[in-house]
Amino acid sequence: MSEKSQTVETKNPLGLSTIPSVSSEGLVPVGRRTSLRSYLAALWNRRHFILAESRAKMSGSTRKNLLGYGWLFLNPLLSVLAFWFIFGFILQSSRGIDNFLGYLVIGVFFFQFTGKSMTGGTGAIRSGASMIKGFQFPRAALPISVVVRNFLDFIPTLAVMIVLILVLPDLEVITWRVVLVIPVIILQTIFNVGLACLLARIGHKIPDLTNFMSIVSRFWLYGSGVFFSIEDRLSDHPLLLAAMQFNPMHSYLTIVRNSLLYGVDTDPWLWFVGIFWAFGLLIVGFLFFWRGEESYGRI
């Protein structure tokens, strides 16, 4: 064998006379933030993964309990019972509120949907650290998966809530306004996605935020009129009342109560507040999360 052929074999172990080149156009380093349009497309392509991952965690958490899915119903029911005993029976905060038990049921059930999405979204990146290190996917799938999982938990409890309202004392006449509960749930879910994305990036930077958010959730619970009417309690403090009426959860709860419990029209201002918070926080929270995409692999 000639010296020339030996040189060729050394340089080309596959026996190729030339080494083909591959264009790097369109390729992005692993972990690099892509354009927003590409990011949204990749996120949409993984919608089945998000749903499957949400269902898996939902069923996995229930298998650890003896009552399984029963806790999806028992947990909010026990919360309603505790709040009714403390605020309705002992503190008498039910005065001036028609059908206080139904008022309380709606407040607890709907607030828990957002409260769980908030606390779960805060720790979404850290809880998904192993998945981030092992797979390449849009990291926004993690906080969105938290909201989807809580939404799947919320649907059966919503059915229980409606049954309770129908059978509890002080029955109300059901009107066409009951259909307005559907757009409220949509708005609240959109709001939860934006909130989860926003807190997911902050929680990734500040691990202690997960514990702190449980305290924030309690303050938010008291400030949303879950078990008392903020209009009655704060009538002597107009500035504080105006600030609390801009609370998105107060808007969602009031619209649902008016539509499902009392059968009356809701002030258009509350619809505006609910829509503003839902889409405003979705845009801000998602863009804020997307801009930190490159940092999530370094956990």
C-alpha atoms as a PDB file:
ATOM      1  CA  MET A   1       0.000   0.000   0.000  1.00  0.00           C
ATOM      2  CA  SER A   2       1.399   3.375  -0.970  1.00  0.00           C
ATOM      3  CA  GLU A   3       2.131   6.130   1.480  1.00  0.00           C
ATOM      4  CA  LYS A   4      -0.526   8.308  -0.159  1.00  0.00           C
ATOM      5  CA  SER A   5      -3.291   5.728   0.350  1.00  0.00           C
ATOM      6  CA  GLN A   6      -2.271   5.249   3.964  1.00  0.00           C
ATOM      7  CA  THR A   7      -2.623   8.972   4.506  1.00  0.00           C
ATOM      8  CA  VAL A   8      -6.104   8.973   2.968  1.00  0.00           C
ATOM      9  CA  GLU A   9      -7.242   6.086   5.171  1.00  0.00           C
ATOM     10  CA  THR A  10      -5.913   7.842   8.255  1.00  0.00           C
ATOM     11  CA  LYS A  11      -7.791  11.009   7.481  1.00  0.00           C
ATOM     12  CA  ASN A  12     -10.957   9.249   6.311  1.00  0.00           C
ATOM     13  CA  PRO A  13     -11.600   6.146   8.413  1.00  0.00           C
ATOM     14  CA  LEU A  14     -14.924   5.604   6.621  1.00  0.00           C
ATOM     15  CA  GLY A  15     -13.167   5.318   3.271  1.00  0.00           C
ATOM     16  CA  LEU A  16     -14.674   8.543   1.913  1.00  0.00           C
ATOM     17  CA  SER A  17     -12.665  10.592  -0.506  1.00  0.00           C
ATOM     18  CA  THR A  18     -14.191  13.761   0.937  1.00  0.00           C
ATOM     19  CA  ILE A  19     -15.902  14.516   4.220  1.00  0.00           C
ATOM     20  CA  PRO A  20     -19.415  15.908   3.626  1.00  0.00           C
ATOM     21  CA  SER A  21     -20.233  19.172   5.339  1.00  0.00           C
ATOM     22  CA  VAL A  22     -23.537  19.874   7.090  1.00  0.00           C
ATOM     23  CA  SER A  23     -25.025  23.340   7.172  1.00  0.00           C
ATOM     24  CA  SER A  24     -25.502  24.782  10.643  1.00  0.00           C
ATOM     25  CA  GLU A  25     -28.237  27.121   9.448  1.00  0.00           C
ATOM     26  CA  GLY A  26     -31.295  26.950  11.681  1.00  0.00           C
ATOM     27  CA  LEU A  27     -29.485  25.026  14.421  1.00  0.00           C
ATOM     28  CA  VAL A  28     -29.601  26.459  17.941  1.00  0.00           C
ATOM     29  CA  PRO A  29     -27.294  25.472  20.815  1.00  0.00           C
ATOM     30  CA  VAL A  30     -28.977  23.356  23.484  1.00  0.00           C
ATOM     31  CA  GLY A  31     -30.592  25.550  26.131  1.00  0.00           C
ATOM     32  CA  ARG A  32     -30.428  28.713  24.001  1.00  0.00           C
ATOM     33  CA  ARG A  33     -33.583  30.805  23.941  1.00  0.00           C
ATOM     34  CA  THR A  34     -35.265  30.660  20.543  1.00  0.00           C
ATOM     35  CA  SER A  35     -37.447  33.321  18.980  1.00  0.00           C
ATOM     36  CA  LEU A  36     -40.837  33.823  20.562  1.00  0.00           C
ATOM     37  CA  ARG A  37     -42.607  32.476  17.482  1.00  0.00           C
ATOM     38  CA  SER A  38     -40.487  29.308  17.418  1.00  0.00           C
ATOM     39  CA  TYR A  39     -40.911  28.927  21.159  1.00  0.00           C
ATOM     40  CA  LEU A  40     -44.706  29.106  20.930  1.00  0.00           C
ATOM     41  CA  ALA A  41     -44.699  26.608  18.037  1.00  0.00           C
ATOM     42  CA  ALA A  42     -42.537  24.172  20.018  1.00  0.00           C
ATOM     43  CA  LEU A  43     -44.791  24.592  23.024  1.00  0.00           C
ATOM     44  CA  TRP A  44     -47.880  23.861  20.931  1.00  0.00           C
ATOM     45  CA  ASN A  45     -46.226  20.751  19.457  1.00  0.00           C
ATOM     46  CA  ARG A  46     -45.750  19.448  23.007  1.00  0.00           C
ATOM     47  CA  ARG A  47     -49.346  19.997  24.096  1.00  0.00           C
ATOM     48  CA  HIS A  48     -49.915  16.234  24.297  1.00  0.00           C
ATOM     49  CA  PHE A  49     -46.872  15.903  26.549  1.00  0.00           C
ATOM     50  CA  ILE A  50     -48.220  18.640  28.835  1.00  0.00           C
ATOM     51  CA  LEU A  51     -51.597  16.926  29.136  1.00  0.00           C
ATOM     52  CA  ALA A  52     -50.064  13.481  29.684  1.00  0.00           C
ATOM     53  CA  GLU A  53     -47.621  14.806  32.286  1.00  0.00           C
ATOM     54  CA  SER A  54     -50.455  16.588  34.107  1.00  0.00           C
ATOM     55  CA  ARG A  55     -52.601  13.458  34.182  1.00  0.00           C
ATOM     56  CA  ALA A  56     -49.690  11.334  35.370  1.00  0.00           C
ATOM     57  CA  LYS A  57     -48.926  13.615  38.300  1.00  0.00           C
ATOM     58  CA  MET A  58     -52.610  13.927  39.106  1.00  0.00           C
ATOM     59  CA  SER A  59     -53.139  10.153  39.283  1.00  0.00           C
ATOM     60  CA  GLY A  60     -49.778   9.643  40.989  1.00  0.00           C
ATOM     61  CA  SER A  61     -50.664  11.977  43.843  1.00  0.00           C
ATOM     62  CA  THR A  62     -54.049  10.342  44.425  1.00  0.00           C
ATOM     63  CA  ARG A  63     -52.617   6.815  44.528  1.00  0.00           C
ATOM     64  CA  LYS A  64     -50.636   7.759  47.633  1.00  0.00           C
ATOM     65  CA  ASN A  65     -53.858   8.295  49.618  1.00  0.00           C
ATOM     66  CA  LEU A  66     -56.299   5.679  50.853  1.00  0.00           C
ATOM     67  CA  LEU A  67     -59.277   7.653  49.559  1.00  0.00           C
ATOM     68  CA  GLY A  68     -57.604   8.446  46.229  1.00  0.00           C
ATOM     69  CA  TYR A  69     -59.638  10.911  44.167  1.00  0.00           C
ATOM     70  CA  GLY A  70     -61.985  11.345  47.104  1.00  0.00           C
ATOM     71  CA  TRP A  71     -59.660  13.982  48.534  1.00  0.00           C
ATOM     72  CA  LEU A  72     -60.370  16.176  45.513  1.00  0.00           C
ATOM     73  CA  PHE A  73     -63.859  16.575  46.966  1.00  0.00           C
ATOM     74  CA  LEU A  74     -63.166  16.199  50.679  1.00  0.00           C
ATOM     75  CA  ASN A  75     -60.441  18.830  50.874  1.00  0.00           C
ATOM     76  CA  PRO A  76     -62.558  21.802  49.699  1.00  0.00           C
ATOM     77  CA  LEU A  77     -65.593  20.483  51.601  1.00  0.00           C
ATOM     78  CA  LEU A  78     -63.635  20.344  54.850  1.00  0.00           C
ATOM     79  CA  SER A  79     -62.282  23.816  54.149  1.00  0.00           C
ATOM     80  CA  VAL A  80     -65.839  25.095  53.689  1.00  0.00           C
ATOM     81  CA  LEU A  81     -66.880  23.461  56.960  1.00  0.00           C
ATOM     82  CA  ALA A  82     -63.945  24.997  58.849  1.00  0.00           C
ATOM     83  CA  PHE A  83     -64.522  28.477  57.422  1.00  0.00           C
ATOM     84  CA  TRP A  84     -68.262  28.266  58.058  1.00  0.00           C
ATOM     85  CA  PHE A  85     -67.702  27.293  61.696  1.00  0.00           C
ATOM     86  CA  ILE A  86     -65.122  30.023  62.352  1.00  0.00           C
ATOM     87  CA  PHE A  87     -66.415  32.920  60.278  1.00  0.00           C
ATOM     88  CA  GLY A  88     -70.098  32.094  59.878  1.00  0.00           C
ATOM     89  CA  PHE A  89     -70.910  30.612  63.272  1.00  0.00           C
ATOM     90  CA  ILE A  90     -68.369  32.120  65.693  1.00  0.00           C
ATOM     91  CA  LEU A  91     -67.478  35.499  64.116  1.00  0.00           C
ATOM     92  CA  GLN A  92     -70.891  35.962  62.469  1.00  0.00           C
ATOM     93  CA  SER A  93     -69.407  37.299  59.227  1.00  0.00           C
ATOM     94  CA  SER A  94     -72.429  35.846  57.453  1.00  0.00           C
ATOM     95  CA  ARG A  95     -74.596  38.771  58.517  1.00  0.00           C
ATOM     96  CA  GLY A  96     -75.875  40.658  55.502  1.00  0.00           C
ATOM     97  CA  ILE A  97     -74.942  37.897  53.029  1.00  0.00           C
ATOM     98  CA  ASP A  98     -77.770  35.938  51.420  1.00  0.00           C
ATOM     99  CA  ASN A  99     -77.192  32.188  51.225  1.00  0.00           C
ATOM    100  CA  PHE A 100     -73.889  32.429  53.071  1.00  0.00           C
ATOM    101  CA  LEU A 101     -73.148  28.719  52.728  1.00  0.00           C
ATOM    102  CA  GLY A 102     -73.400  28.878  48.936  1.00  0.00           C
ATOM    103  CA  TYR A 103     -71.408  32.118  49.009  1.00  0.00           C
ATOM    104  CA  LEU A 104     -68.684  30.328  50.974  1.00  0.00           C
ATOM    105  CA  VAL A 105     -68.694  27.200  48.779  1.00  0.00           C
ATOM    106  CA  ILE A 106     -68.067  29.241  45.618  1.00  0.00           C
ATOM    107  CA  GLY A 107     -65.351  31.296  47.295  1.00  0.00           C
ATOM    108  CA  VAL A 108     -63.402  28.310  48.650  1.00  0.00           C
ATOM    109  CA  PHE A 109     -63.652  26.119  45.544  1.00  0.00           C
ATOM    110  CA  PHE A 110     -62.658  28.814  43.061  1.00  0.00           C
ATOM    111  CA  PHE A 111     -59.918  30.317  45.196  1.00  0.00           C
ATOM    112  CA  GLN A 112     -58.248  26.945  45.751  1.00  0.00           C
ATOM    113  CA  PHE A 113     -57.906  26.557  41.975  1.00  0.00           C
ATOM    114  CA  THR A 114     -55.800  29.708  41.769  1.00  0.00           C
ATOM    115  CA  GLY A 115     -54.060  29.182  45.117  1.00  0.00           C
ATOM    116  CA  LYS A 116     -52.762  25.744  44.128  1.00  0.00           C
ATOM    117  CA  SER A 117     -51.669  27.000  40.712  1.00  0.00           C
ATOM    118  CA  MET A 118     -49.753  29.817  42.385  1.00  0.00           C
ATOM    119  CA  THR A 119     -47.856  27.684  44.904  1.00  0.00           C
ATOM    120  CA  GLY A 120     -47.286  24.857  42.419  1.00  0.00           C
ATOM    121  CA  GLY A 121     -46.094  27.199  39.696  1.00  0.00           C
ATOM    122  CA  THR A 122     -43.556  28.817  42.031  1.00  0.00           C
ATOM    123  CA  GLY A 123     -41.676  25.529  42.418  1.00  0.00           C
ATOM    124  CA  ALA A 124     -42.311  24.202  38.906  1.00  0.00           C
ATOM    125  CA  ILE A 125     -38.753  24.638  37.607  1.00  0.00           C
ATOM    126  CA  ARG A 126     -37.030  23.151  40.650  1.00  0.00           C
ATOM    127  CA  SER A 127     -39.440  20.222  40.874  1.00  0.00           C
ATOM    128  CA  GLY A 128     -38.817  19.508  37.166  1.00  0.00           C
ATOM    129  CA  ALA A 129     -35.001  19.745  37.436  1.00  0.00           C
ATOM    130  CA  SER A 130     -34.393  16.126  36.409  1.00  0.00           C
ATOM    131  CA  MET A 131     -36.607  16.507  33.350  1.00  0.00           C
ATOM    132  CA  ILE A 132     -34.850  19.729  32.361  1.00  0.00           C
ATOM    133  CA  LYS A 133     -31.432  18.060  32.531  1.00  0.00           C
ATOM    134  CA  GLY A 134     -32.567  15.002  30.579  1.00  0.00           C
ATOM    135  CA  PHE A 135     -34.732  16.447  27.803  1.00  0.00           C
ATOM    136  CA  GLN A 136     -34.854  19.444  25.501  1.00  0.00           C
ATOM    137  CA  PHE A 137     -38.280  21.106  25.518  1.00  0.00           C
ATOM    138  CA  PRO A 138     -39.795  24.558  26.144  1.00  0.00           C
ATOM    139  CA  ARG A 139     -39.503  25.041  29.888  1.00  0.00           C
ATOM    140  CA  ALA A 140     -42.832  26.887  29.971  1.00  0.00           C
ATOM    141  CA  ALA A 141     -44.410  23.446  29.685  1.00  0.00           C
ATOM    142  CA  LEU A 142     -43.654  22.928  33.389  1.00  0.00           C
ATOM    143  CA  PRO A 143     -45.664  25.813  34.924  1.00  0.00           C
ATOM    144  CA  ILE A 144     -48.396  25.313  32.327  1.00  0.00           C
ATOM    145  CA  SER A 145     -48.539  21.650  33.312  1.00  0.00           C
ATOM    146  CA  VAL A 146     -49.119  22.716  36.927  1.00  0.00           C
ATOM    147  CA  VAL A 147     -52.138  24.792  35.883  1.00  0.00           C
ATOM    148  CA  VAL A 148     -53.491  22.010  33.665  1.00  0.00           C
ATOM    149  CA  ARG A 149     -53.180  19.524  36.516  1.00  0.00           C
ATOM    150  CA  ASN A 150     -55.047  21.825  38.891  1.00  0.00           C
ATOM    151  CA  PHE A 151     -57.657  22.466  36.204  1.00  0.00           C
ATOM    152  CA  LEU A 152     -58.233  18.712  35.883  1.00  0.00           C
ATOM    153  CA  ASP A 153     -58.608  18.567  39.665  1.00  0.00           C
ATOM    154  CA  PHE A 154     -60.991  21.534  39.583  1.00  0.00           C
ATOM    155  CA  ILE A 155     -63.472  20.132  37.063  1.00  0.00           C
ATOM    156  CA  PRO A 156     -64.897  17.308  39.264  1.00  0.00           C
ATOM    157  CA  THR A 157     -64.961  19.601  42.307  1.00  0.00           C
ATOM    158  CA  LEU A 158     -66.871  22.129  40.213  1.00  0.00           C
ATOM    159  CA  ALA A 159     -69.564  19.521  39.652  1.00  0.00           C
ATOM    160  CA  VAL A 160     -69.718  18.878  43.405  1.00  0.00           C
ATOM    161  CA  MET A 161     -69.963  22.626  44.038  1.00  0.00           C
ATOM    162  CA  ILE A 162     -72.957  22.965  41.717  1.00  0.00           C
ATOM    163  CA  VAL A 163     -74.710  20.009  43.385  1.00  0.00           C
ATOM    164  CA  LEU A 164     -74.113  21.551  46.816  1.00  0.00           C
ATOM    165  CA  ILE A 165     -75.560  24.876  45.722  1.00  0.00           C
ATOM    166  CA  LEU A 166     -78.641  23.127  44.335  1.00  0.00           C
ATOM    167  CA  VAL A 167     -79.337  21.143  47.521  1.00  0.00           C
ATOM    168  CA  LEU A 168     -78.240  23.594  50.228  1.00  0.00           C
ATOM    169  CA  PRO A 169     -80.885  25.690  52.020  1.00  0.00           C
ATOM    170  CA  ASP A 170     -81.872  29.105  50.679  1.00  0.00           C
ATOM    171  CA  LEU A 171     -82.287  27.755  47.179  1.00  0.00           C
ATOM    172  CA  GLU A 172     -81.989  30.300  44.422  1.00  0.00           C
ATOM    173  CA  VAL A 173     -83.733  30.411  41.055  1.00  0.00           C
ATOM    174  CA  ILE A 174     -81.358  29.300  38.306  1.00  0.00           C
ATOM    175  CA  THR A 175     -81.318  31.742  35.373  1.00  0.00           C
ATOM    176  CA  TRP A 176     -79.590  31.872  31.982  1.00  0.00           C
ATOM    177  CA  ARG A 177     -76.698  33.680  33.670  1.00  0.00           C
ATOM    178  CA  VAL A 178     -75.358  30.351  34.869  1.00  0.00           C
ATOM    179  CA  VAL A 179     -73.613  29.993  31.472  1.00  0.00           C
ATOM    180  CA  LEU A 180     -71.456  32.995  32.391  1.00  0.00           C
ATOM    181  CA  VAL A 181     -69.565  30.740  34.784  1.00  0.00           C
ATOM    182  CA  ILE A 182     -67.822  29.158  31.759  1.00  0.00           C
ATOM    183  CA  PRO A 183     -66.070  32.339  30.530  1.00  0.00           C
ATOM    184  CA  VAL A 184     -65.093  33.111  34.129  1.00  0.00           C
ATOM    185  CA  ILE A 185     -63.384  29.712  34.425  1.00  0.00           C
ATOM    186  CA  ILE A 186     -61.598  30.376  31.123  1.00  0.00           C
ATOM    187  CA  LEU A 187     -60.428  33.805  32.302  1.00  0.00           C
ATOM    188  CA  GLN A 188     -59.294  32.419  35.642  1.00  0.00           C
ATOM    189  CA  THR A 189     -57.357  29.613  33.936  1.00  0.00           C
ATOM    190  CA  ILE A 190     -55.615  32.112  31.636  1.00  0.00           C
ATOM    191  CA  PHE A 191     -54.804  34.232  34.679  1.00  0.00           C
ATOM    192  CA  ASN A 192     -53.386  31.168  36.468  1.00  0.00           C
ATOM    193  CA  VAL A 193     -51.088  30.370  33.530  1.00  0.00           C
ATOM    194  CA  GLY A 194     -49.643  33.881  33.556  1.00  0.00           C
ATOM    195  CA  LEU A 195     -49.246  33.805  37.335  1.00  0.00           C
ATOM    196  CA  ALA A 196     -47.563  30.378  37.296  1.00  0.00           C
ATOM    197  CA  CYS A 197     -45.099  31.432  34.567  1.00  0.00           C
ATOM    198  CA  LEU A 198     -44.245  34.661  36.371  1.00  0.00           C
ATOM    199  CA  LEU A 199     -43.626  32.958  39.706  1.00  0.00           C
ATOM    200  CA  ALA A 200     -41.823  29.987  38.152  1.00  0.00           C
ATOM    201  CA  ARG A 201     -38.915  32.145  37.014  1.00  0.00           C
ATOM    202  CA  ILE A 202     -38.762  34.039  40.319  1.00  0.00           C
ATOM    203  CA  GLY A 203     -38.996  30.772  42.260  1.00  0.00           C
ATOM    204  CA  HIS A 204     -36.123  29.381  40.208  1.00  0.00           C
ATOM    205  CA  LYS A 205     -33.924  32.280  41.335  1.00  0.00           C
ATOM    206  CA  ILE A 206     -35.206  32.392  44.928  1.00  0.00           C
ATOM    207  CA  PRO A 207     -35.839  28.878  46.328  1.00  0.00           C
ATOM    208  CA  ASP A 208     -37.336  30.235  49.568  1.00  0.00           C
ATOM    209  CA  LEU A 209     -40.145  31.875  47.607  1.00  0.00           C
ATOM    210  CA  THR A 210     -42.101  28.590  47.622  1.00  0.00           C
ATOM    211  CA  ASN A 211     -42.528  28.784  51.391  1.00  0.00           C
ATOM    212  CA  PHE A 212     -43.242  32.500  51.297  1.00  0.00           C
ATOM    213  CA  MET A 213     -46.019  32.096  48.706  1.00  0.00           C
ATOM    214  CA  SER A 214     -48.051  29.935  51.068  1.00  0.00           C
ATOM    215  CA  ILE A 215     -48.207  32.967  53.388  1.00  0.00           C
ATOM    216  CA  VAL A 216     -49.066  35.271  50.481  1.00  0.00           C
ATOM    217  CA  SER A 217     -51.844  32.867  49.533  1.00  0.00           C
ATOM    218  CA  ARG A 218     -53.416  33.248  52.973  1.00  0.00           C
ATOM    219  CA  PHE A 219     -53.348  37.052  52.753  1.00  0.00           C
ATOM    220  CA  TRP A 220     -54.850  36.865  49.286  1.00  0.00           C
ATOM    221  CA  LEU A 221     -57.556  34.537  50.582  1.00  0.00           C
ATOM    222  CA  TYR A 222     -58.606  37.063  53.218  1.00  0.00           C
ATOM    223  CA  GLY A 223     -58.455  39.946  50.746  1.00  0.00           C
ATOM    224  CA  SER A 224     -60.623  38.308  48.085  1.00  0.00           C
ATOM    225  CA  GLY A 225     -63.901  38.206  49.967  1.00  0.00           C
ATOM    226  CA  VAL A 226     -63.997  34.407  50.175  1.00  0.00           C
ATOM    227  CA  PHE A 227     -65.942  34.294  53.449  1.00  0.00           C
ATOM    228  CA  PHE A 228     -67.076  37.887  53.964  1.00  0.00           C
ATOM    229  CA  SER A 229     -68.243  40.808  51.846  1.00  0.00           C
ATOM    230  CA  ILE A 230     -65.489  43.368  51.413  1.00  0.00           C
ATOM    231  CA  GLU A 231     -68.097  45.958  50.330  1.00  0.00           C
ATOM    232  CA  ASP A 232     -69.817  45.700  53.734  1.00  0.00           C
ATOM    233  CA  ARG A 233     -66.681  45.393  55.845  1.00  0.00           C
ATOM    234  CA  LEU A 234     -64.740  48.205  54.137  1.00  0.00           C
ATOM    235  CA  SER A 235     -67.532  50.659  53.445  1.00  0.00           C
ATOM    236  CA  ASP A 236     -65.842  53.187  55.769  1.00  0.00           C
ATOM    237  CA  HIS A 237     -62.490  52.880  53.957  1.00  0.00           C
ATOM    238  CA  PRO A 238     -63.175  53.871  50.322  1.00  0.00           C
ATOM    239  CA  LEU A 239     -59.531  53.848  49.169  1.00  0.00           C
ATOM    240  CA  LEU A 240     -58.829  50.392  50.586  1.00  0.00           C
ATOM    241  CA  LEU A 241     -62.149  49.145  49.195  1.00  0.00           C
ATOM    242  CA  ALA A 242     -61.303  50.453  45.712  1.00  0.00           C
ATOM    243  CA  ALA A 243     -57.901  48.753  45.825  1.00  0.00           C
ATOM    244  CA  MET A 244     -59.376  45.422  46.930  1.00  0.00           C
ATOM    245  CA  GLN A 245     -62.078  45.612  44.271  1.00  0.00           C
ATOM    246  CA  PHE A 246     -59.284  45.643  41.676  1.00  0.00           C
ATOM    247  CA  ASN A 247     -58.274  42.233  43.001  1.00  0.00           C
ATOM    248  CA  PRO A 248     -58.799  39.726  40.130  1.00  0.00           C
ATOM    249  CA  MET A 249     -60.035  36.969  42.451  1.00  0.00           C
ATOM    250  CA  HIS A 250     -62.666  39.288  43.889  1.00  0.00           C
ATOM    251  CA  SER A 251     -63.900  39.930  40.347  1.00  0.00           C
ATOM    252  CA  TYR A 252     -64.055  36.235  39.418  1.00  0.00           C
ATOM    253  CA  LEU A 253     -65.800  35.252  42.657  1.00  0.00           C
ATOM    254  CA  THR A 254     -68.344  38.076  42.419  1.00  0.00           C
ATOM    255  CA  ILE A 255     -69.244  37.249  38.816  1.00  0.00           C
ATOM    256  CA  VAL A 256     -69.712  33.550  39.630  1.00  0.00           C
ATOM    257  CA  ARG A 257     -71.819  34.318  42.700  1.00  0.00           C
ATOM    258  CA  ASN A 258     -74.018  36.769  40.829  1.00  0.00           C
ATOM    259  CA  SER A 259     -74.457  34.382  37.896  1.00  0.00           C
ATOM    260  CA  LEU A 260     -74.845  31.070  39.719  1.00  0.00           C
ATOM    261  CA  LEU A 261     -76.112  31.952  43.166  1.00  0.00           C
ATOM    262  CA  TYR A 262     -78.135  35.152  42.905  1.00  0.00           C
ATOM    263  CA  GLY A 263     -79.127  35.251  39.224  1.00  0.00           C
ATOM    264  CA  VAL A 264     -78.364  38.957  38.781  1.00  0.00           C
ATOM    265  CA  ASP A 265     -76.291  40.962  36.315  1.00  0.00           C
ATOM    266  CA  THR A 266     -72.724  41.889  37.198  1.00  0.00           C
ATOM    267  CA  ASP A 267     -71.216  45.356  36.926  1.00  0.00           C
ATOM    268  CA  PRO A 268     -69.317  45.518  33.586  1.00  0.00           C
ATOM    269  CA  TRP A 269     -66.377  46.998  35.516  1.00  0.00           C
ATOM    270  CA  LEU A 270     -65.785  43.606  37.190  1.00  0.00           C
ATOM    271  CA  TRP A 271     -65.707  41.915  33.784  1.00  0.00           C
ATOM    272  CA  PHE A 272     -63.162  44.473  32.619  1.00  0.00           C
ATOM    273  CA  VAL A 273     -60.993  43.835  35.693  1.00  0.00           C
ATOM    274  CA  GLY A 274     -61.157  40.075  35.164  1.00  0.00           C
ATOM    275  CA  ILE A 275     -60.269  40.308  31.458  1.00  0.00           C
ATOM    276  CA  PHE A 276     -57.503  42.849  32.091  1.00  0.00           C
ATOM    277  CA  TRP A 277     -55.820  40.686  34.713  1.00  0.00           C
ATOM    278  CA  ALA A 278     -56.194  37.447  32.731  1.00  0.00           C
ATOM    279  CA  PHE A 279     -54.650  38.570  29.445  1.00  0.00           C
ATOM    280  CA  GLY A 280     -52.379  41.212  30.951  1.00  0.00           C
ATOM    281  CA  LEU A 281     -50.723  38.773  33.344  1.00  0.00           C
ATOM    282  CA  LEU A 282     -50.570  36.071  30.673  1.00  0.00           C
ATOM    283  CA  ILE A 283     -48.555  38.342  28.372  1.00  0.00           C
ATOM    284  CA  VAL A 284     -46.302  39.748  31.092  1.00  0.00           C
ATOM    285  CA  GLY A 285     -45.798  36.442  32.896  1.00  0.00           C
ATOM    286  CA  PHE A 286     -45.119  34.382  29.781  1.00  0.00           C
ATOM    287  CA  LEU A 287     -42.691  36.899  28.263  1.00  0.00           C
ATOM    288  CA  PHE A 288     -40.902  37.224  31.602  1.00  0.00           C
ATOM    289  CA  PHE A 289     -40.545  33.437  31.799  1.00  0.00           C
ATOM    290  CA  TRP A 290     -39.431  33.105  28.160  1.00  0.00           C
ATOM    291  CA  ARG A 291     -36.654  35.652  28.601  1.00  0.00           C
ATOM    292  CA  GLY A 292     -35.149  33.491  31.324  1.00  0.00           C
ATOM    293  CA  GLU A 293     -35.235  30.286  29.262  1.00  0.00           C
ATOM    294  CA  GLU A 294     -31.434  29.975  29.056  1.00  0.00           C
ATOM    295  CA  SER A 295     -31.002  29.984  32.835  1.00  0.00           C
ATOM    296  CA  TYR A 296     -33.340  27.092  33.671  1.00  0.00           C
ATOM    297  CA  GLY A 297     -30.834  24.395  32.759  1.00  0.00           C
ATOM    298  CA  ARG A 298     -28.422  25.648  35.414  1.00  0.00           C
ATOM    299  CA  ILE A 299     -30.079  24.299  38.565  1.00  0.00           C
END
